[in-house]
Amino acid sequence: MDFERIILIKSKTRLEQLIERFNSKAQALFYIDHNGGDFSDYELEHNNFYNGLNSVQKKLTQPLNTTLIERSYLSSFIFAETDLVVVTGQDVLGASTAKYVGDNPIFAINPDLKRNNGVLLPFNIHNYEKKLDHVLREKAAIKHVTMAEARLNDGQRLLAFNDFFVGKSNHTSARYKITFEQQTEQHSSSGLIISTGAGSTGWLSSVLNELSGLNSYFGGAKQGFSHQMNMDDNNLCFIVREPFQSPHTSTRIIAGTIDVNKQLNLESQMPENGVIFSDGVLEDYLEFHSGKMVSIGVSDQKAHLIC
């Protein structure tokens, strides 16, 4: 592909979010210091990020016109087929970007090696330039990553790179009817997570860590639980969190594997606060109130990560 433009995507630092909340840096400083926090850590993180971002932006503008946009504008931004998408930030930024760019390849750069895990950010400010040149000469390898898709009965659709959460926005008890592999039951739980292979080292692993700890504490085997999946596996894994057994609610459907021939179907029984959001970004949620039904499965759309 001959790229004609670079779209550079960033998200706000914690310092920028504090300043937005308190209207000024001085007010943010007062609040953090007054509560015993370390404001200098916010400043250091902010400065490290912008040092990396400014360096990357300067390099990118040399070969092609470059447009810088905030993550919050992703859902409304129109990407051209000839755009090269570059993300600079934390791992979650790469995940949230993948949902909105279609088939455009994503070049992900870690601007702060001391703070970011970089699982979804294969490049950093010290090694990205040579790889970028390869990309612009169409010599880069691309990893195709499986995503999950949620479709509501009103036609709305949402993708997930890492995982979906279905439940209540305030994390109180979620009520719904669940159907999977020709079984149906009523549930009251803390919600569900539905993980892709890319997300299996994130939220899914946290749930399994909890299960391992509880199992060990109450006398079970000492071995830990895990469920390793590859990023390109055409499977999803769902787990029901803290299901409650009662005369009306059951706990037989607790976990399962969703392949390309299966769907997980849920019918909301929550008059309010029911949500579906993906990749830990609550701001992009779909309402999931009483009367709404959702089918969740493997998406036909893949994310394309440059590696």
Protein backbone atom coordinates (compact mmCIF):
# COMPACT_ATOMS: atom_id res chain seq x y z
CA MET A 1 0.00 0.00 0.00
CA ASP A 2 1.21 3.49 -0.85
CA PHE A 3 0.50 5.59 2.22
CA GLU A 4 -0.55 9.20 1.64
CA ARG A 5 -1.00 10.39 5.21
CA ILE A 6 -0.02 9.48 8.77
CA ILE A 7 -2.60 9.68 11.53
CA LEU A 8 -0.81 10.00 14.88
CA ILE A 9 -3.01 9.11 17.84
CA LYS A 10 -2.40 10.02 21.47
CA SER A 11 -4.37 10.10 24.70
CA LYS A 12 -4.30 12.59 27.54
CA THR A 13 -1.75 12.11 30.30
CA ARG A 14 -2.87 11.82 33.91
CA LEU A 15 -1.60 15.36 34.47
CA GLU A 16 -3.73 16.70 31.63
CA GLN A 17 -6.76 14.92 33.04
CA LEU A 18 -6.11 16.43 36.48
CA ILE A 19 -5.79 19.92 35.01
CA GLU A 20 -9.08 19.44 33.15
CA ARG A 21 -10.75 18.35 36.38
CA PHE A 22 -9.41 21.19 38.55
CA ASN A 23 -9.18 23.89 35.83
CA SER A 24 -5.51 24.69 36.46
CA LYS A 25 -2.19 23.02 37.22
CA ALA A 26 -1.93 24.96 40.48
CA GLN A 27 -5.29 23.68 41.70
CA ALA A 28 -4.34 20.12 40.70
CA LEU A 29 -1.03 20.46 42.57
CA PHE A 30 -2.83 21.70 45.69
CA TYR A 31 -5.30 18.79 45.61
CA ILE A 32 -2.63 16.08 45.19
CA ASP A 33 -0.27 17.58 47.77
CA HIS A 34 -3.10 18.19 50.25
CA ASN A 35 -4.02 14.49 50.07
CA GLY A 36 -0.43 13.31 50.51
CA GLY A 37 0.23 12.38 46.89
CA ASP A 38 3.36 12.90 44.82
CA PHE A 39 2.59 15.50 42.16
CA SER A 40 6.11 15.30 40.75
CA ASP A 41 5.36 11.76 39.52
CA TYR A 42 2.50 13.11 37.39
CA GLU A 43 4.80 15.78 36.00
CA LEU A 44 7.60 13.30 35.25
CA GLU A 45 5.21 10.97 33.45
CA HIS A 46 3.78 13.89 31.45
CA ASN A 47 7.21 15.21 30.45
CA ASN A 48 8.52 11.78 29.46
CA PHE A 49 5.47 11.18 27.30
CA TYR A 50 5.70 14.51 25.47
CA ASN A 51 9.44 14.19 24.95
CA GLY A 52 8.76 10.90 23.19
CA LEU A 53 5.71 12.16 21.31
CA ASN A 54 7.43 15.31 20.04
CA SER A 55 10.38 13.27 18.80
CA VAL A 56 8.09 10.85 16.97
CA GLN A 57 5.96 13.63 15.47
CA LYS A 58 9.04 15.43 14.16
CA LYS A 59 10.21 12.26 12.43
CA LEU A 60 6.81 11.41 10.97
CA THR A 61 6.25 14.77 9.35
CA GLN A 62 9.38 14.36 7.20
CA PRO A 63 8.07 11.70 4.79
CA LEU A 64 4.32 12.41 4.89
CA ASN A 65 1.72 14.89 6.08
CA THR A 66 0.82 13.99 9.66
CA THR A 67 -2.40 14.66 11.55
CA LEU A 68 -2.42 14.42 15.35
CA ILE A 69 -5.71 13.44 17.01
CA GLU A 70 -6.81 12.64 20.55
CA ARG A 71 -8.12 9.18 21.41
CA SER A 72 -11.49 10.68 22.35
CA TYR A 73 -12.10 11.61 18.69
CA LEU A 74 -11.47 8.12 17.30
CA SER A 75 -15.11 7.09 17.13
CA SER A 76 -16.00 10.02 14.85
CA PHE A 77 -12.80 10.31 12.79
CA ILE A 78 -12.99 9.15 9.17
CA PHE A 79 -9.92 7.20 8.09
CA ALA A 80 -8.88 6.89 4.46
CA GLU A 81 -7.65 3.58 3.07
CA THR A 82 -4.24 5.15 2.43
CA ASP A 83 -3.70 6.27 6.05
CA LEU A 84 -0.93 4.80 8.16
CA VAL A 85 -2.09 4.82 11.79
CA VAL A 86 0.59 5.46 14.42
CA VAL A 87 -0.25 5.24 18.12
CA THR A 88 2.00 6.59 20.88
CA GLY A 89 0.95 5.88 24.44
CA GLN A 90 -0.03 3.01 26.71
CA ASP A 91 -1.06 -0.48 25.59
CA VAL A 92 -4.74 0.34 26.00
CA LEU A 93 -4.43 3.06 23.35
CA GLY A 94 -3.42 0.50 20.72
CA ALA A 95 -6.35 -1.68 21.73
CA SER A 96 -8.94 1.10 21.59
CA THR A 97 -7.55 2.39 18.29
CA ALA A 98 -7.85 -0.99 16.55
CA LYS A 99 -11.65 -0.91 16.89
CA TYR A 100 -12.04 2.19 14.73
CA VAL A 101 -9.46 2.06 11.94
CA GLY A 102 -10.87 -0.77 9.82
CA ASP A 103 -8.20 -2.52 7.76
CA ASN A 104 -5.62 0.25 8.20
CA PRO A 105 -2.35 -1.06 9.67
CA ILE A 106 -1.32 0.16 13.11
CA PHE A 107 2.25 1.13 13.96
CA ALA A 108 2.47 1.22 17.77
CA ILE A 109 5.25 3.03 19.66
CA ASN A 110 5.96 2.87 23.38
CA PRO A 111 7.08 6.38 24.48
CA ASP A 112 7.99 5.41 28.06
CA LEU A 113 9.67 2.04 28.59
CA LYS A 114 9.80 2.51 32.37
CA ARG A 115 6.03 2.82 32.75
CA ASN A 116 4.34 0.91 29.93
CA ASN A 117 4.36 -2.88 29.57
CA GLY A 118 4.44 -2.51 25.82
CA VAL A 119 2.75 -5.86 25.05
CA LEU A 120 0.81 -4.17 22.26
CA LEU A 121 3.55 -1.61 21.53
CA PRO A 122 6.32 -3.49 19.70
CA PHE A 123 8.42 -0.40 19.01
CA ASN A 124 9.86 2.37 21.17
CA ILE A 125 11.40 5.79 20.64
CA HIS A 126 14.86 4.22 20.29
CA ASN A 127 14.14 1.66 17.56
CA TYR A 128 11.08 2.73 15.58
CA GLU A 129 12.76 4.83 12.86
CA LYS A 130 14.31 1.97 10.88
CA LYS A 131 11.08 0.00 11.06
CA LEU A 132 9.08 3.01 9.93
CA ASP A 133 11.26 3.30 6.84
CA HIS A 134 10.53 -0.38 6.10
CA VAL A 135 6.81 0.24 6.51
CA LEU A 136 6.83 3.14 4.08
CA ARG A 137 8.65 0.92 1.57
CA GLU A 138 5.99 -1.79 2.11
CA LYS A 139 8.45 -4.25 3.64
CA ALA A 140 6.94 -4.72 7.10
CA ALA A 141 5.28 -7.84 8.46
CA ILE A 142 1.71 -7.54 9.75
CA LYS A 143 0.10 -9.54 12.54
CA HIS A 144 -3.62 -10.19 12.11
CA VAL A 145 -5.36 -10.08 15.48
CA THR A 146 -8.77 -11.60 16.25
CA MET A 147 -11.38 -9.23 17.66
CA ALA A 148 -14.73 -9.84 19.37
CA GLU A 149 -17.99 -8.31 18.20
CA ALA A 150 -21.17 -7.47 20.11
CA ARG A 151 -24.41 -6.91 18.16
CA LEU A 152 -27.52 -5.55 19.86
CA ASN A 153 -31.05 -6.28 18.68
CA ASP A 154 -31.44 -2.57 17.84
CA GLY A 155 -28.62 -2.76 15.27
CA GLN A 156 -25.82 -1.20 17.34
CA ARG A 157 -22.41 -2.82 17.10
CA LEU A 158 -19.21 -2.67 19.14
CA LEU A 159 -15.82 -4.32 18.66
CA ALA A 160 -13.33 -5.41 21.29
CA PHE A 161 -9.60 -5.89 20.81
CA ASN A 162 -8.97 -7.27 24.33
CA ASP A 163 -12.29 -7.93 26.02
CA PHE A 164 -15.90 -6.99 26.65
CA PHE A 165 -17.51 -6.30 29.99
CA VAL A 166 -21.26 -6.85 30.25
CA GLY A 167 -22.96 -5.84 33.47
CA LYS A 168 -23.82 -2.77 35.51
CA SER A 169 -21.81 0.43 35.25
CA ASN A 170 -21.75 0.75 39.05
CA HIS A 171 -20.73 -2.92 39.45
CA THR A 172 -23.78 -3.85 41.51
CA SER A 173 -25.62 -7.08 40.75
CA ALA A 174 -26.35 -7.57 37.06
CA ARG A 175 -29.51 -9.47 36.05
CA TYR A 176 -29.82 -11.11 32.65
CA LYS A 177 -30.79 -14.29 30.83
CA ILE A 178 -27.86 -16.16 29.31
CA THR A 179 -27.96 -18.66 26.43
CA PHE A 180 -24.96 -20.69 25.30
CA GLU A 181 -24.68 -24.05 23.53
CA GLN A 182 -28.45 -24.62 23.68
CA GLN A 183 -28.60 -24.00 27.44
CA THR A 184 -30.47 -21.05 28.95
CA GLU A 185 -30.69 -19.80 32.53
CA GLN A 186 -31.33 -16.73 34.64
CA HIS A 187 -28.29 -15.04 36.16
CA SER A 188 -27.47 -12.62 38.93
CA SER A 189 -23.74 -11.84 38.92
CA SER A 190 -21.09 -9.15 38.89
CA GLY A 191 -21.19 -9.30 35.10
CA LEU A 192 -19.27 -11.15 32.43
CA ILE A 193 -15.98 -10.67 30.68
CA ILE A 194 -15.48 -12.01 27.17
CA SER A 195 -11.81 -12.14 26.20
CA THR A 196 -9.94 -12.41 22.92
CA GLY A 197 -6.52 -14.00 22.61
CA ALA A 198 -4.96 -10.54 22.81
CA GLY A 199 -6.79 -9.91 26.08
CA SER A 200 -6.06 -13.29 27.65
CA THR A 201 -3.01 -11.90 29.47
CA GLY A 202 -5.05 -9.02 30.89
CA TRP A 203 -8.44 -9.05 32.63
CA LEU A 204 -8.99 -12.75 31.96
CA SER A 205 -5.71 -13.61 33.67
CA SER A 206 -6.71 -11.48 36.68
CA VAL A 207 -9.92 -13.47 37.11
CA LEU A 208 -7.98 -16.72 36.89
CA ASN A 209 -5.43 -15.43 39.42
CA GLU A 210 -8.29 -14.79 41.83
CA LEU A 211 -9.63 -18.29 41.21
CA SER A 212 -6.18 -19.79 41.85
CA GLY A 213 -5.82 -17.90 45.13
CA LEU A 214 -9.27 -18.90 46.36
CA ASN A 215 -8.71 -22.50 45.35
CA SER A 216 -5.42 -22.63 47.25
CA TYR A 217 -6.83 -20.88 50.33
CA PHE A 218 -9.72 -23.28 50.63
CA GLY A 219 -7.60 -26.40 50.33
CA GLY A 220 -7.51 -27.06 46.61
CA ALA A 221 -4.53 -27.90 44.45
CA LYS A 222 -1.60 -25.49 44.62
CA GLN A 223 -1.27 -25.19 40.85
CA GLY A 224 -2.51 -21.98 39.28
CA PHE A 225 -5.21 -21.65 36.65
CA SER A 226 -4.45 -20.20 33.24
CA HIS A 227 -5.97 -20.08 29.79
CA GLN A 228 -3.41 -19.11 27.18
CA MET A 229 -4.65 -17.96 23.79
CA ASN A 230 -2.81 -16.61 20.76
CA MET A 231 -3.71 -13.24 19.30
CA ASP A 232 -4.79 -14.82 16.02
CA ASP A 233 -6.87 -17.64 17.57
CA ASN A 234 -10.43 -17.51 16.25
CA ASN A 235 -11.77 -18.18 19.73
CA LEU A 236 -13.06 -16.11 22.63
CA CYS A 237 -13.31 -17.10 26.29
CA PHE A 238 -16.10 -15.88 28.55
CA ILE A 239 -16.30 -16.03 32.35
CA VAL A 240 -19.20 -15.07 34.61
CA ARG A 241 -17.96 -13.12 37.62
CA GLU A 242 -19.31 -13.99 41.07
CA PRO A 243 -22.51 -15.78 39.99
CA PHE A 244 -25.21 -15.98 42.67
CA GLN A 245 -27.29 -19.12 43.26
CA SER A 246 -30.92 -18.55 44.31
CA PRO A 247 -34.36 -20.11 43.73
CA HIS A 248 -34.61 -17.98 40.57
CA THR A 249 -30.98 -17.78 39.37
CA SER A 250 -28.60 -20.58 38.37
CA THR A 251 -24.85 -21.08 38.13
CA ARG A 252 -24.39 -23.82 35.55
CA ILE A 253 -23.21 -21.59 32.69
CA ILE A 254 -20.07 -20.07 34.21
CA ALA A 255 -17.45 -20.17 31.44
CA GLY A 256 -17.05 -21.26 27.86
CA THR A 257 -15.19 -21.00 24.58
CA ILE A 258 -16.84 -19.14 21.71
CA ASP A 259 -15.56 -20.20 18.28
CA VAL A 260 -16.60 -18.96 14.85
CA ASN A 261 -19.63 -21.25 14.87
CA LYS A 262 -20.96 -20.16 18.28
CA GLN A 263 -22.55 -17.09 19.83
CA LEU A 264 -23.05 -16.04 23.44
CA ASN A 265 -26.53 -14.55 23.77
CA LEU A 266 -27.65 -12.33 26.64
CA GLU A 267 -30.98 -10.65 27.38
CA SER A 268 -30.82 -7.74 29.82
CA GLN A 269 -33.12 -7.66 32.82
CA MET A 270 -31.60 -4.46 34.23
CA PRO A 271 -33.96 -1.45 34.28
CA GLU A 272 -30.98 0.92 34.52
CA ASN A 273 -27.17 1.11 34.51
CA GLY A 274 -26.77 -1.89 32.20
CA VAL A 275 -23.72 -1.45 29.93
CA ILE A 276 -21.48 -3.18 27.43
CA PHE A 277 -18.03 -1.70 27.01
CA SER A 278 -14.80 -2.93 25.53
CA ASP A 279 -11.10 -2.77 26.38
CA GLY A 280 -11.68 -1.04 29.70
CA VAL A 281 -13.03 2.14 28.05
CA LEU A 282 -16.35 2.88 29.72
CA GLU A 283 -16.81 6.07 27.70
CA ASP A 284 -17.56 4.04 24.54
CA TYR A 285 -20.28 1.92 26.16
CA LEU A 286 -23.53 0.62 24.69
CA GLU A 287 -26.61 0.80 26.90
CA PHE A 288 -27.81 -2.66 27.92
CA HIS A 289 -31.10 -2.07 29.68
CA SER A 290 -34.18 -4.28 30.01
CA GLY A 291 -35.50 -5.38 26.62
CA LYS A 292 -32.10 -5.30 24.93
CA MET A 293 -30.48 -8.48 23.65
CA VAL A 294 -26.89 -8.95 22.51
CA SER A 295 -25.06 -11.63 20.55
CA ILE A 296 -21.31 -11.81 21.11
CA GLY A 297 -18.96 -13.74 18.86
CA VAL A 298 -15.77 -13.71 16.83
CA SER A 299 -15.67 -10.72 14.49
CA ASP A 300 -14.98 -11.00 10.77
CA GLN A 301 -12.91 -7.83 11.14
CA LYS A 302 -9.29 -8.25 12.18
CA ALA A 303 -6.85 -5.76 13.63
CA HIS A 304 -3.66 -5.34 11.61
CA LEU A 305 -0.60 -4.66 13.78
CA ILE A 306 2.75 -3.91 12.20
CA CYS A 307 5.42 -6.07 13.79
